[in-house]
């Protein structure tokens, strides 16, 4: 991890993985700094992002089957209990 990402980014990735692993549901991950967990929009709707080291983010989706949805069609974070990590990338 350190070889590929560098020391600082690898440290943030480890921290975020620990936070995600400790959470009972996705709602337990704060939408406020430092993690700033939020759902992407547009073509990436349904994908969530947490900050690593600017501008890089850890991207993941719900791995629950079926994906738990709210009445308005959004993803119910309180019901997301499993995630699948997709990639690390600069989303800007």
PDB file of N, CA and C in Angstrom:
ATOM      1  N   UNK A   1       0.819  -1.179   0.000  1.00  0.00           N
ATOM      2  CA  UNK A   1       0.000   0.000   0.000  1.00  0.00           C
ATOM      3  C   UNK A   1       0.875   1.258   0.000  1.00  0.00           C
ATOM      4  N   UNK A   2       1.869   1.290   0.863  1.00  0.00           N
ATOM      5  CA  UNK A   2       2.757   2.448   0.950  1.00  0.00           C
ATOM      6  C   UNK A   2       3.557   2.613  -0.336  1.00  0.00           C
ATOM      7  N   UNK A   3       3.995   1.507  -0.897  1.00  0.00           N
ATOM      8  CA  UNK A   3       4.779   1.567  -2.131  1.00  0.00           C
ATOM      9  C   UNK A   3       3.952   2.171  -3.275  1.00  0.00           C
ATOM     10  N   UNK A   4       2.689   1.806  -3.349  1.00  0.00           N
ATOM     11  CA  UNK A   4       1.824   2.266  -4.431  1.00  0.00           C
ATOM     12  C   UNK A   4       1.296   3.684  -4.194  1.00  0.00           C
ATOM     13  N   UNK A   5       0.917   3.997  -2.935  1.00  0.00           N
ATOM     14  CA  UNK A   5       0.246   5.258  -2.642  1.00  0.00           C
ATOM     15  C   UNK A   5       1.125   6.314  -1.976  1.00  0.00           C
ATOM     16  N   UNK A   6       2.226   5.899  -1.395  1.00  0.00           N
ATOM     17  CA  UNK A   6       3.032   6.828  -0.610  1.00  0.00           C
ATOM     18  C   UNK A   6       2.604   6.759   0.855  1.00  0.00           C
ATOM     19  N   UNK A   7       3.441   7.241   1.728  1.00  0.00           N
ATOM     20  CA  UNK A   7       3.227   7.105   3.167  1.00  0.00           C
ATOM     21  C   UNK A   7       1.963   7.799   3.650  1.00  0.00           C
ATOM     22  N   UNK A   8       1.771   9.051   3.281  1.00  0.00           N
ATOM     23  CA  UNK A   8       0.627   9.817   3.797  1.00  0.00           C
ATOM     24  C   UNK A   8      -0.712   9.260   3.297  1.00  0.00           C
ATOM     25  N   UNK A   9      -0.808   9.003   2.004  1.00  0.00           N
ATOM     26  CA  UNK A   9      -2.060   8.495   1.433  1.00  0.00           C
ATOM     27  C   UNK A   9      -2.361   7.080   1.957  1.00  0.00           C
ATOM     28  N   UNK A  10      -1.320   6.255   2.103  1.00  0.00           N
ATOM     29  CA  UNK A  10      -1.510   4.903   2.640  1.00  0.00           C
ATOM     30  C   UNK A  10      -2.006   4.964   4.081  1.00  0.00           C
ATOM     31  N   UNK A  11      -1.487   5.908   4.853  1.00  0.00           N
ATOM     32  CA  UNK A  11      -1.938   6.080   6.237  1.00  0.00           C
ATOM     33  C   UNK A  11      -3.410   6.467   6.293  1.00  0.00           C
ATOM     34  N   UNK A  12      -3.835   7.377   5.419  1.00  0.00           N
ATOM     35  CA  UNK A  12      -5.240   7.786   5.366  1.00  0.00           C
ATOM     36  C   UNK A  12      -6.120   6.629   4.917  1.00  0.00           C
ATOM     37  N   UNK A  13      -5.639   5.846   3.960  1.00  0.00           N
ATOM     38  CA  UNK A  13      -6.407   4.700   3.493  1.00  0.00           C
ATOM     39  C   UNK A  13      -6.605   3.702   4.637  1.00  0.00           C
ATOM     40  N   UNK A  14      -5.571   3.420   5.374  1.00  0.00           N
ATOM     41  CA  UNK A  14      -5.690   2.501   6.521  1.00  0.00           C
ATOM     42  C   UNK A  14      -6.705   3.032   7.525  1.00  0.00           C
ATOM     43  N   UNK A  15      -6.641   4.340   7.789  1.00  0.00           N
ATOM     44  CA  UNK A  15      -7.577   4.960   8.729  1.00  0.00           C
ATOM     45  C   UNK A  15      -9.021   4.817   8.233  1.00  0.00           C
ATOM     46  N   UNK A  16      -9.249   5.119   6.974  1.00  0.00           N
ATOM     47  CA  UNK A  16     -10.609   5.023   6.417  1.00  0.00           C
ATOM     48  C   UNK A  16     -11.104   3.577   6.414  1.00  0.00           C
ATOM     49  N   UNK A  17     -10.250   2.630   6.094  1.00  0.00           N
ATOM     50  CA  UNK A  17     -10.652   1.222   6.109  1.00  0.00           C
ATOM     51  C   UNK A  17     -11.027   0.778   7.514  1.00  0.00           C
ATOM     52  N   UNK A  18     -10.298   1.251   8.513  1.00  0.00           N
ATOM     53  CA  UNK A  18     -10.635   0.932   9.904  1.00  0.00           C
ATOM     54  C   UNK A  18     -11.981   1.536  10.284  1.00  0.00           C
ATOM     55  N   UNK A  19     -12.215   2.791   9.876  1.00  0.00           N
ATOM     56  CA  UNK A  19     -13.488   3.452  10.172  1.00  0.00           C
ATOM     57  C   UNK A  19     -14.650   2.719   9.508  1.00  0.00           C
ATOM     58  N   UNK A  20     -14.491   2.372   8.244  1.00  0.00           N
ATOM     59  CA  UNK A  20     -15.542   1.658   7.530  1.00  0.00           C
ATOM     60  C   UNK A  20     -15.780   0.278   8.132  1.00  0.00           C
ATOM     61  N   UNK A  21     -14.708  -0.386   8.519  1.00  0.00           N
ATOM     62  CA  UNK A  21     -14.835  -1.711   9.125  1.00  0.00           C
ATOM     63  C   UNK A  21     -15.504  -1.684  10.484  1.00  0.00           C
ATOM     64  N   UNK A  22     -15.330  -0.604  11.227  1.00  0.00           N
ATOM     65  CA  UNK A  22     -15.905  -0.480  12.563  1.00  0.00           C
ATOM     66  C   UNK A  22     -17.370  -0.048  12.535  1.00  0.00           C
ATOM     67  N   UNK A  23     -17.804   0.526  11.439  1.00  0.00           N
ATOM     68  CA  UNK A  23     -19.172   1.025  11.331  1.00  0.00           C
ATOM     69  C   UNK A  23     -20.164  -0.132  11.184  1.00  0.00           C
ATOM     70  N   UNK A  24     -21.281  -0.017  11.887  1.00  0.00           N
ATOM     71  CA  UNK A  24     -22.329  -1.024  11.752  1.00  0.00           C
ATOM     72  C   UNK A  24     -23.092  -0.829  10.446  1.00  0.00           C
ATOM     73  N   UNK A  25     -23.335   0.439  10.090  1.00  0.00           N
ATOM     74  CA  UNK A  25     -23.985   0.779   8.832  1.00  0.00           C
ATOM     75  C   UNK A  25     -23.261   1.984   8.226  1.00  0.00           C
ATOM     76  N   UNK A  26     -23.551   2.276   6.982  1.00  0.00           N
ATOM     77  CA  UNK A  26     -22.933   3.409   6.310  1.00  0.00           C
ATOM     78  C   UNK A  26     -23.328   4.724   6.976  1.00  0.00           C
ATOM     79  N   UNK A  27     -24.479   4.769   7.630  1.00  0.00           N
ATOM     80  CA  UNK A  27     -24.918   5.981   8.328  1.00  0.00           C
ATOM     81  C   UNK A  27     -23.988   6.322   9.489  1.00  0.00           C
ATOM     82  N   UNK A  28     -23.227   5.356   9.977  1.00  0.00           N
ATOM     83  CA  UNK A  28     -22.290   5.603  11.078  1.00  0.00           C
ATOM     84  C   UNK A  28     -21.048   6.365  10.631  1.00  0.00           C
ATOM     85  N   UNK A  29     -20.826   6.444   9.324  1.00  0.00           N
ATOM     86  CA  UNK A  29     -19.673   7.176   8.795  1.00  0.00           C
ATOM     87  C   UNK A  29     -20.114   8.610   8.567  1.00  0.00           C
ATOM     88  N   UNK A  30     -19.417   9.521   9.200  1.00  0.00           N
ATOM     89  CA  UNK A  30     -19.800  10.932   9.159  1.00  0.00           C
ATOM     90  C   UNK A  30     -19.727  11.512   7.758  1.00  0.00           C
ATOM     91  N   UNK A  31     -20.702  12.394   7.468  1.00  0.00           N
ATOM     92  CA  UNK A  31     -20.660  13.153   6.213  1.00  0.00           C
ATOM     93  C   UNK A  31     -19.849  14.435   6.405  1.00  0.00           C
ATOM     94  N   UNK A  32     -19.392  14.664   7.621  1.00  0.00           N
ATOM     95  CA  UNK A  32     -18.569  15.827   7.949  1.00  0.00           C
ATOM     96  C   UNK A  32     -17.099  15.443   7.907  1.00  0.00           C
ATOM     97  N   UNK A  33     -16.205  16.443   7.854  1.00  0.00           N
ATOM     98  CA  UNK A  33     -14.772  16.118   7.906  1.00  0.00           C
ATOM     99  C   UNK A  33     -14.458  15.339   9.177  1.00  0.00           C
ATOM    100  N   UNK A  34     -13.475  14.457   9.207  1.00  0.00           N
ATOM    101  CA  UNK A  34     -12.480  14.289   8.164  1.00  0.00           C
ATOM    102  C   UNK A  34     -12.877  13.329   7.048  1.00  0.00           C
ATOM    103  N   UNK A  35     -13.783  12.381   7.301  1.00  0.00           N
ATOM    104  CA  UNK A  35     -14.090  11.387   6.258  1.00  0.00           C
ATOM    105  C   UNK A  35     -14.907  11.980   5.105  1.00  0.00           C
ATOM    106  N   UNK A  36     -15.864  12.829   5.440  1.00  0.00           N
ATOM    107  CA  UNK A  36     -16.733  13.458   4.440  1.00  0.00           C
ATOM    108  C   UNK A  36     -17.345  12.430   3.491  1.00  0.00           C
ATOM    109  N   UNK A  37     -18.016  11.455   4.071  1.00  0.00           N
ATOM    110  CA  UNK A  37     -18.667  10.419   3.274  1.00  0.00           C
ATOM    111  C   UNK A  37     -19.860  11.018   2.544  1.00  0.00           C
ATOM    112  N   UNK A  38     -19.875  10.867   1.229  1.00  0.00           N
ATOM    113  CA  UNK A  38     -20.996  11.381   0.458  1.00  0.00           C
ATOM    114  C   UNK A  38     -21.194  10.558  -0.810  1.00  0.00           C
ATOM    115  N   UNK A  39     -22.430  10.610  -1.306  1.00  0.00           N
ATOM    116  CA  UNK A  39     -22.749   9.898  -2.540  1.00  0.00           C
ATOM    117  C   UNK A  39     -22.426  10.797  -3.722  1.00  0.00           C
ATOM    118  N   UNK A  40     -21.841  10.205  -4.737  1.00  0.00           N
ATOM    119  CA  UNK A  40     -21.545  10.951  -5.955  1.00  0.00           C
ATOM    120  C   UNK A  40     -22.825  11.098  -6.771  1.00  0.00           C
ATOM    121  N   UNK A  41     -22.803  11.996  -7.733  1.00  0.00           N
ATOM    122  CA  UNK A  41     -23.986  12.263  -8.537  1.00  0.00           C
ATOM    123  C   UNK A  41     -23.700  11.999 -10.014  1.00  0.00           C
ATOM    124  N   UNK A  42     -24.715  12.206 -10.823  1.00  0.00           N
ATOM    125  CA  UNK A  42     -24.554  12.033 -12.264  1.00  0.00           C
ATOM    126  C   UNK A  42     -24.296  10.588 -12.640  1.00  0.00           C
ATOM    127  N   UNK A  43     -23.319  10.383 -13.523  1.00  0.00           N
ATOM    128  CA  UNK A  43     -23.015   9.026 -13.992  1.00  0.00           C
ATOM    129  C   UNK A  43     -22.481   8.130 -12.876  1.00  0.00           C
ATOM    130  N   UNK A  44     -22.024   8.739 -11.774  1.00  0.00           N
ATOM    131  CA  UNK A  44     -21.494   7.974 -10.640  1.00  0.00           C
ATOM    132  C   UNK A  44     -22.495   7.828  -9.502  1.00  0.00           C
ATOM    133  N   UNK A  45     -23.768   8.134  -9.744  1.00  0.00           N
ATOM    134  CA  UNK A  45     -24.795   7.983  -8.709  1.00  0.00           C
ATOM    135  C   UNK A  45     -24.786   6.547  -8.190  1.00  0.00           C
ATOM    136  N   UNK A  46     -24.927   6.400  -6.892  1.00  0.00           N
ATOM    137  CA  UNK A  46     -24.869   5.074  -6.266  1.00  0.00           C
ATOM    138  C   UNK A  46     -23.484   4.725  -5.759  1.00  0.00           C
ATOM    139  N   UNK A  47     -22.496   5.535  -6.107  1.00  0.00           N
ATOM    140  CA  UNK A  47     -21.130   5.362  -5.631  1.00  0.00           C
ATOM    141  C   UNK A  47     -20.885   6.345  -4.504  1.00  0.00           C
ATOM    142  N   UNK A  48     -20.250   5.875  -3.440  1.00  0.00           N
ATOM    143  CA  UNK A  48     -19.923   6.727  -2.308  1.00  0.00           C
ATOM    144  C   UNK A  48     -18.436   7.028  -2.291  1.00  0.00           C
ATOM    145  N   UNK A  49     -18.088   8.108  -1.612  1.00  0.00           N
ATOM    146  CA  UNK A  49     -16.712   8.591  -1.582  1.00  0.00           C
ATOM    147  C   UNK A  49     -16.356   9.026  -0.166  1.00  0.00           C
ATOM    148  N   UNK A  50     -15.133   8.716   0.258  1.00  0.00           N
ATOM    149  CA  UNK A  50     -14.564   9.287   1.481  1.00  0.00           C
ATOM    150  C   UNK A  50     -13.196   9.864   1.130  1.00  0.00           C
ATOM    151  N   UNK A  51     -12.863  10.967   1.781  1.00  0.00           N
ATOM    152  CA  UNK A  51     -11.599  11.637   1.509  1.00  0.00           C
ATOM    153  C   UNK A  51     -10.407  10.821   1.978  1.00  0.00           C
ATOM    154  N   UNK A  52      -9.354  10.865   1.194  1.00  0.00           N
ATOM    155  CA  UNK A  52      -8.054  10.340   1.602  1.00  0.00           C
ATOM    156  C   UNK A  52      -7.148  11.559   1.748  1.00  0.00           C
ATOM    157  N   UNK A  53      -6.293  11.751   0.768  1.00  0.00           N
ATOM    158  CA  UNK A  53      -5.431  12.928   0.734  1.00  0.00           C
ATOM    159  C   UNK A  53      -5.801  13.692  -0.526  1.00  0.00           C
ATOM    160  N   UNK A  54      -6.176  14.960  -0.377  1.00  0.00           N
ATOM    161  CA  UNK A  54      -6.652  15.753  -1.510  1.00  0.00           C
ATOM    162  C   UNK A  54      -5.700  15.642  -2.695  1.00  0.00           C
ATOM    163  N   UNK A  55      -6.213  15.359  -3.845  1.00  0.00           N
ATOM    164  CA  UNK A  55      -7.600  15.275  -4.291  1.00  0.00           C
ATOM    165  C   UNK A  55      -8.131  13.837  -4.366  1.00  0.00           C
ATOM    166  N   UNK A  56      -7.456  12.893  -3.739  1.00  0.00           N
ATOM    167  CA  UNK A  56      -7.824  11.481  -3.886  1.00  0.00           C
ATOM    168  C   UNK A  56      -8.898  11.054  -2.904  1.00  0.00           C
ATOM    169  N   UNK A  57      -9.754  10.148  -3.399  1.00  0.00           N
ATOM    170  CA  UNK A  57     -10.855   9.628  -2.598  1.00  0.00           C
ATOM    171  C   UNK A  57     -10.949   8.114  -2.771  1.00  0.00           C
ATOM    172  N   UNK A  58     -11.477   7.480  -1.728  1.00  0.00           N
ATOM    173  CA  UNK A  58     -11.766   6.051  -1.764  1.00  0.00           C
ATOM    174  C   UNK A  58     -13.216   5.913  -2.210  1.00  0.00           C
ATOM    175  N   UNK A  59     -13.445   5.186  -3.304  1.00  0.00           N
ATOM    176  CA  UNK A  59     -14.792   5.025  -3.852  1.00  0.00           C
ATOM    177  C   UNK A  59     -15.307   3.621  -3.581  1.00  0.00           C
ATOM    178  N   UNK A  60     -16.587   3.542  -3.213  1.00  0.00           N
ATOM    179  CA  UNK A  60     -17.194   2.249  -2.916  1.00  0.00           C
ATOM    180  C   UNK A  60     -18.695   2.297  -3.190  1.00  0.00           C
ATOM    181  N   UNK A  61     -19.286   1.111  -3.285  1.00  0.00           N
ATOM    182  CA  UNK A  61     -20.720   0.965  -3.509  1.00  0.00           C
ATOM    183  C   UNK A  61     -21.287   0.048  -2.432  1.00  0.00           C
ATOM    184  N   UNK A  62     -22.605   0.051  -2.311  1.00  0.00           N
ATOM    185  CA  UNK A  62     -23.271  -0.885  -1.410  1.00  0.00           C
ATOM    186  C   UNK A  62     -23.137  -2.288  -2.003  1.00  0.00           C
ATOM    187  N   UNK A  63     -22.775  -3.246  -1.154  1.00  0.00           N
ATOM    188  CA  UNK A  63     -22.688  -4.639  -1.595  1.00  0.00           C
ATOM    189  C   UNK A  63     -23.898  -5.432  -1.098  1.00  0.00           C
ATOM    190  N   UNK A  64     -24.839  -4.737  -0.460  1.00  0.00           N
ATOM    191  CA  UNK A  64     -26.058  -5.396  -0.013  1.00  0.00           C
ATOM    192  C   UNK A  64     -26.881  -5.792  -1.236  1.00  0.00           C
ATOM    193  N   UNK A  65     -27.519  -6.952  -1.173  1.00  0.00           N
ATOM    194  CA  UNK A  65     -28.332  -7.419  -2.286  1.00  0.00           C
ATOM    195  C   UNK A  65     -29.714  -7.779  -1.772  1.00  0.00           C
ATOM    196  N   UNK A  66     -30.718  -6.993  -2.089  1.00  0.00           N
ATOM    197  CA  UNK A  66     -30.699  -5.818  -2.951  1.00  0.00           C
ATOM    198  C   UNK A  66     -30.168  -4.594  -2.197  1.00  0.00           C
ATOM    199  N   UNK A  67     -29.767  -3.588  -2.963  1.00  0.00           N
ATOM    200  CA  UNK A  67     -29.316  -2.330  -2.371  1.00  0.00           C
ATOM    201  C   UNK A  67     -30.526  -1.700  -1.679  1.00  0.00           C
ATOM    202  N   UNK A  68     -30.401  -1.355  -0.375  1.00  0.00           N
ATOM    203  CA  UNK A  68     -31.544  -0.776   0.347  1.00  0.00           C
ATOM    204  C   UNK A  68     -31.840   0.647  -0.124  1.00  0.00           C
ATOM    205  N   UNK A  69     -33.083   0.879  -0.498  1.00  0.00           N
ATOM    206  CA  UNK A  69     -33.473   2.173  -1.037  1.00  0.00           C
ATOM    207  C   UNK A  69     -34.501   2.865  -0.150  1.00  0.00           C
ATOM    208  N   UNK A  70     -34.484   4.186  -0.211  1.00  0.00           N
ATOM    209  CA  UNK A  70     -35.489   5.013   0.442  1.00  0.00           C
ATOM    210  C   UNK A  70     -36.695   5.140  -0.488  1.00  0.00           C
ATOM    211  N   UNK A  71     -37.794   5.670   0.023  1.00  0.00           N
ATOM    212  CA  UNK A  71     -39.003   5.854  -0.783  1.00  0.00           C
ATOM    213  C   UNK A  71     -38.749   6.739  -2.001  1.00  0.00           C
ATOM    214  N   UNK A  72     -37.819   7.711  -1.873  1.00  0.00           N
ATOM    215  CA  UNK A  72     -37.532   8.617  -2.992  1.00  0.00           C
ATOM    216  C   UNK A  72     -36.541   8.028  -3.998  1.00  0.00           C
ATOM    217  N   UNK A  73     -36.089   6.782  -3.755  1.00  0.00           N
ATOM    218  CA  UNK A  73     -35.167   6.120  -4.672  1.00  0.00           C
ATOM    219  C   UNK A  73     -33.706   6.240  -4.288  1.00  0.00           C
ATOM    220  N   UNK A  74     -33.398   7.072  -3.296  1.00  0.00           N
ATOM    221  CA  UNK A  74     -32.024   7.196  -2.821  1.00  0.00           C
ATOM    222  C   UNK A  74     -31.602   5.972  -2.019  1.00  0.00           C
ATOM    223  N   UNK A  75     -30.328   5.864  -1.768  1.00  0.00           N
ATOM    224  CA  UNK A  75     -29.812   4.724  -0.995  1.00  0.00           C
ATOM    225  C   UNK A  75     -29.992   4.996   0.490  1.00  0.00           C
ATOM    226  N   UNK A  76     -30.537   4.024   1.210  1.00  0.00           N
ATOM    227  CA  UNK A  76     -30.773   4.142   2.653  1.00  0.00           C
ATOM    228  C   UNK A  76     -29.496   3.776   3.395  1.00  0.00           C
ATOM    229  N   UNK A  77     -28.718   4.762   3.769  1.00  0.00           N
ATOM    230  CA  UNK A  77     -27.434   4.539   4.446  1.00  0.00           C
ATOM    231  C   UNK A  77     -27.583   3.778   5.750  1.00  0.00           C
ATOM    232  N   UNK A  78     -28.733   3.917   6.399  1.00  0.00           N
ATOM    233  CA  UNK A  78     -28.960   3.219   7.669  1.00  0.00           C
ATOM    234  C   UNK A  78     -29.097   1.717   7.486  1.00  0.00           C
ATOM    235  N   UNK A  79     -29.328   1.293   6.241  1.00  0.00           N
ATOM    236  CA  UNK A  79     -29.487  -0.133   5.947  1.00  0.00           C
ATOM    237  C   UNK A  79     -28.297  -0.737   5.210  1.00  0.00           C
ATOM    238  N   UNK A  80     -27.336   0.098   4.787  1.00  0.00           N
ATOM    239  CA  UNK A  80     -26.163  -0.413   4.079  1.00  0.00           C
ATOM    240  C   UNK A  80     -25.201  -1.003   5.105  1.00  0.00           C
ATOM    241  N   UNK A  81     -25.039  -2.320   5.064  1.00  0.00           N
ATOM    242  CA  UNK A  81     -24.193  -3.008   6.040  1.00  0.00           C
ATOM    243  C   UNK A  81     -22.942  -3.605   5.422  1.00  0.00           C
ATOM    244  N   UNK A  82     -22.898  -3.651   4.099  1.00  0.00           N
ATOM    245  CA  UNK A  82     -21.734  -4.177   3.387  1.00  0.00           C
ATOM    246  C   UNK A  82     -21.402  -3.247   2.241  1.00  0.00           C
ATOM    247  N   UNK A  83     -20.100  -3.064   2.012  1.00  0.00           N
ATOM    248  CA  UNK A  83     -19.676  -2.234   0.885  1.00  0.00           C
ATOM    249  C   UNK A  83     -18.654  -2.998   0.050  1.00  0.00           C
ATOM    250  N   UNK A  84     -18.517  -2.552  -1.191  1.00  0.00           N
ATOM    251  CA  UNK A  84     -17.485  -3.080  -2.085  1.00  0.00           C
ATOM    252  C   UNK A  84     -16.644  -1.891  -2.539  1.00  0.00           C
ATOM    253  N   UNK A  85     -15.361  -1.946  -2.234  1.00  0.00           N
ATOM    254  CA  UNK A  85     -14.456  -0.879  -2.625  1.00  0.00           C
ATOM    255  C   UNK A  85     -14.161  -1.017  -4.114  1.00  0.00           C
ATOM    256  N   UNK A  86     -14.303   0.098  -4.821  1.00  0.00           N
ATOM    257  CA  UNK A  86     -14.117   0.092  -6.272  1.00  0.00           C
ATOM    258  C   UNK A  86     -12.716   0.555  -6.651  1.00  0.00           C
ATOM    259  N   UNK A  87     -12.346   1.745  -6.145  1.00  0.00           N
ATOM    260  CA  UNK A  87     -11.043   2.306  -6.543  1.00  0.00           C
ATOM    261  C   UNK A  87     -10.693   3.517  -5.700  1.00  0.00           C
ATOM    262  N   UNK A  88      -9.471   3.958  -5.896  1.00  0.00           N
ATOM    263  CA  UNK A  88      -8.995   5.217  -5.346  1.00  0.00           C
ATOM    264  C   UNK A  88      -8.737   6.108  -6.551  1.00  0.00           C
ATOM    265  N   UNK A  89      -9.337   7.315  -6.529  1.00  0.00           N
ATOM    266  CA  UNK A  89      -9.109   8.186  -7.681  1.00  0.00           C
ATOM    267  C   UNK A  89      -9.393   9.643  -7.335  1.00  0.00           C
ATOM    268  N   UNK A  90      -8.933  10.511  -8.191  1.00  0.00           N
ATOM    269  CA  UNK A  90      -9.202  11.939  -8.120  1.00  0.00           C
ATOM    270  C   UNK A  90     -10.522  12.136  -8.861  1.00  0.00           C
ATOM    271  N   UNK A  91     -11.584  12.475  -8.147  1.00  0.00           N
ATOM    272  CA  UNK A  91     -12.901  12.603  -8.765  1.00  0.00           C
ATOM    273  C   UNK A  91     -13.153  13.995  -9.349  1.00  0.00           C
ATOM    274  N   UNK A  92     -12.179  14.863  -9.287  1.00  0.00           N
ATOM    275  CA  UNK A  92     -12.367  16.222  -9.816  1.00  0.00           C
ATOM    276  C   UNK A  92     -11.904  16.341 -11.239  1.00  0.00           C
TER     277      UNK A  92
END
